[in-house]
C-alpha atoms as a PDB file:
ATOM      1  CA  MET A   1     108.101 102.906 100.065  1.00  0.00           C
ATOM      2  CA  LEU A   2     110.840 103.341 103.329  1.00  0.00           C
ATOM      3  CA  GLU A   3     108.672 105.724 104.745  1.00  0.00           C
ATOM      4  CA  ARG A   4     105.835 103.402 104.316  1.00  0.00           C
ATOM      5  CA  VAL A   5     108.100 100.545 106.422  1.00  0.00           C
ATOM      6  CA  VAL A   6     109.633 102.198 109.204  1.00  0.00           C
ATOM      7  CA  GLU A   7     105.487 103.051 109.849  1.00  0.00           C
ATOM      8  CA  ALA A   8     104.408  99.309 109.550  1.00  0.00           C
ATOM      9  CA  SER A   9     106.847  98.436 111.928  1.00  0.00           C
ATOM     10  CA  ALA A  10     106.371 100.885 114.269  1.00  0.00           C
ATOM     11  CA  ALA A  11     102.582 100.577 114.264  1.00  0.00           C
ATOM     12  CA  ASP A  12     102.683  96.197 114.193  1.00  0.00           C
ATOM     13  CA  HIS A  13     105.305  94.999 116.273  1.00  0.00           C
ATOM     14  CA  ALA A  14     103.989  91.393 115.342  1.00  0.00           C
ATOM     15  CA  VAL A  15     105.445  91.407 111.857  1.00  0.00           C
ATOM     16  CA  LYS A  16     108.546  89.713 112.669  1.00  0.00           C
ATOM     17  CA  ALA A  17     106.664  87.456 114.316  1.00  0.00           C
ATOM     18  CA  ALA A  18     104.494  86.860 111.644  1.00  0.00           C
ATOM     19  CA  ALA A  19     107.225  86.507 109.378  1.00  0.00           C
ATOM     20  CA  LEU A  20     108.906  83.882 111.444  1.00  0.00           C
ATOM     21  CA  ALA A  21     105.876  82.301 111.302  1.00  0.00           C
ATOM     22  CA  LEU A  22     105.957  81.981 107.206  1.00  0.00           C
ATOM     23  CA  GLY A  23     108.639  80.397 107.232  1.00  0.00           C
ATOM     24  CA  ALA A  24     111.725  83.480 107.051  1.00  0.00           C
ATOM     25  CA  ASP A  25     114.099  82.250 109.228  1.00  0.00           C
ATOM     26  CA  PRO A  26     116.893  84.597 109.597  1.00  0.00           C
ATOM     27  CA  ALA A  27     119.150  82.148 110.159  1.00  0.00           C
ATOM     28  CA  ASP A  28     118.264  80.074 107.096  1.00  0.00           C
ATOM     29  CA  GLY A  29     120.717  81.197 104.463  1.00  0.00           C
ATOM     30  CA  ALA A  30     118.515  80.301 101.396  1.00  0.00           C
ATOM     31  CA  THR A  31     116.088  83.350 103.165  1.00  0.00           C
ATOM     32  CA  VAL A  32     118.818  85.898 104.037  1.00  0.00           C
ATOM     33  CA  GLU A  33     119.770  85.148  99.950  1.00  0.00           C
ATOM     34  CA  ARG A  34     116.023  85.542  98.878  1.00  0.00           C
ATOM     35  CA  ALA A  35     115.439  88.844 100.282  1.00  0.00           C
ATOM     36  CA  ALA A  36     119.142  90.352  99.610  1.00  0.00           C
ATOM     37  CA  GLY A  37     118.536  89.992  95.757  1.00  0.00           C
ATOM     38  CA  ALA A  38     114.916  91.169  96.177  1.00  0.00           C
ATOM     39  CA  LEU A  39     116.557  94.368  98.101  1.00  0.00           C
ATOM     40  CA  ALA A  40     119.774  94.748  95.940  1.00  0.00           C
ATOM     41  CA  THR A  41     116.612  94.356  92.524  1.00  0.00           C
ATOM     42  CA  LEU A  42     114.831  97.473  94.482  1.00  0.00           C
ATOM     43  CA  ILE A  43     117.753  99.324  94.865  1.00  0.00           C
ATOM     44  CA  ARG A  44     119.118  98.877  91.088  1.00  0.00           C
ATOM     45  CA  ALA A  45     115.413 100.020  90.191  1.00  0.00           C
ATOM     46  CA  GLY A  46     115.707 102.946  92.198  1.00  0.00           C
ATOM     47  CA  GLN A  47     119.354 103.524  90.860  1.00  0.00           C
ATOM     48  CA  ALA A  48     118.387 103.584  87.282  1.00  0.00           C
ATOM     49  CA  ASP A  49     114.962 105.178  87.790  1.00  0.00           C
ATOM     50  CA  GLY A  50     117.350 108.112  89.668  1.00  0.00           C
ATOM     51  CA  ASP A  51     115.347 108.022  92.722  1.00  0.00           C
ATOM     52  CA  ILE A  52     118.590 106.577  94.735  1.00  0.00           C
ATOM     53  CA  HIS A  53     122.003 107.498  94.726  1.00  0.00           C
ATOM     54  CA  PRO A  54     124.037 105.493  92.585  1.00  0.00           C
ATOM     55  CA  ASP A  55     126.345 104.831  95.753  1.00  0.00           C
ATOM     56  CA  VAL A  56     123.678 103.323  97.847  1.00  0.00           C
ATOM     57  CA  THR A  57     124.691  99.372  98.785  1.00  0.00           C
ATOM     58  CA  ILE A  58     122.496  96.667 100.204  1.00  0.00           C
ATOM     59  CA  ASP A  59     124.192  97.440 103.881  1.00  0.00           C
ATOM     60  CA  ASP A  60     122.770 100.932 103.518  1.00  0.00           C
ATOM     61  CA  MET A  61     119.379  99.461 103.137  1.00  0.00           C
ATOM     62  CA  TYR A  62     120.015  97.703 106.137  1.00  0.00           C
ATOM     63  CA  LEU A  63     121.624 100.213 108.143  1.00  0.00           C
ATOM     64  CA  PHE A  64     118.534 102.486 107.442  1.00  0.00           C
ATOM     65  CA  PHE A  65     116.087  99.613 108.520  1.00  0.00           C
ATOM     66  CA  SER A  66     118.513  98.565 112.243  1.00  0.00           C
ATOM     67  CA  THR A  67     118.185 102.406 112.702  1.00  0.00           C
ATOM     68  CA  ALA A  68     114.454 103.157 112.544  1.00  0.00           C
ATOM     69  CA  PRO A  69     112.888 104.415 115.445  1.00  0.00           C
ATOM     70  CA  THR A  70     110.342 102.110 115.307  1.00  0.00           C
ATOM     71  CA  ASP A  71     110.045 102.486 119.078  1.00  0.00           C
ATOM     72  CA  GLN A  72     109.625 105.973 118.936  1.00  0.00           C
ATOM     73  CA  ALA A  73     105.965 108.458 118.681  1.00  0.00           C
ATOM     74  CA  PRO A  74     105.145 109.175 114.829  1.00  0.00           C
ATOM     75  CA  ALA A  75     106.641 113.017 114.927  1.00  0.00           C
ATOM     76  CA  ALA A  76     109.858 111.303 115.797  1.00  0.00           C
ATOM     77  CA  ARG A  77     109.546 108.851 113.029  1.00  0.00           C
ATOM     78  CA  ALA A  78     108.887 111.522 110.716  1.00  0.00           C
ATOM     79  CA  ARG A  79     112.297 113.825 111.881  1.00  0.00           C
ATOM     80  CA  TRP A  80     114.383 110.590 111.045  1.00  0.00           C
ATOM     81  CA  LEU A  81     113.379 110.185 107.847  1.00  0.00           C
ATOM     82  CA  THR A  82     114.272 113.933 106.878  1.00  0.00           C
ATOM     83  CA  LEU A  83     117.178 113.758 108.328  1.00  0.00           C
ATOM     84  CA  PHE A  84     117.927 109.767 106.945  1.00  0.00           C
ATOM     85  CA  LEU A  85     116.270 109.605 103.195  1.00  0.00           C
ATOM     86  CA  PRO A  86     118.072 112.251 101.387  1.00  0.00           C
ATOM     87  CA  GLY A  87     121.174 110.287 102.160  1.00  0.00           C
ATOM     88  CA  LEU A  88     119.760 107.415 100.355  1.00  0.00           C
ATOM     89  CA  THR A  89     117.511 109.202  98.120  1.00  0.00           C
ATOM     90  CA  THR A  90     117.762 111.835  95.026  1.00  0.00           C
ATOM     91  CA  ARG A  91     115.073 113.859  96.856  1.00  0.00           C
ATOM     92  CA  ALA A  92     116.541 116.752  98.320  1.00  0.00           C
ATOM     93  CA  ARG A  93     115.635 117.851 101.793  1.00  0.00           C
ATOM     94  CA  SER A  94     112.648 120.612 102.215  1.00  0.00           C
ATOM     95  CA  VAL A  95     113.715 123.259 104.304  1.00  0.00           C
ATOM     96  CA  ASP A  96     110.345 123.181 105.756  1.00  0.00           C
ATOM     97  CA  ASN A  97     111.169 119.944 107.599  1.00  0.00           C
END
């Protein structure tokens, strides 16, 4: 899922504009709380399934999204994911990457 989010953000720079058009105002506290609640639910589900490290927090996910190299080439995004995802997930980093 995280890889898809990064790729969608890179491919569609209009995502943020579309979200704002649909009423997702980042200055609106209720919107931010709903998003944080949904993200917390996803993190807990991943942790319960053993897919996400138990110490991963919402702040870690915000860091993930805010540092995604969406303005880089696909190869750079793939390399970034190879380096970043093992810190969030329990998936081991492949030697081939």
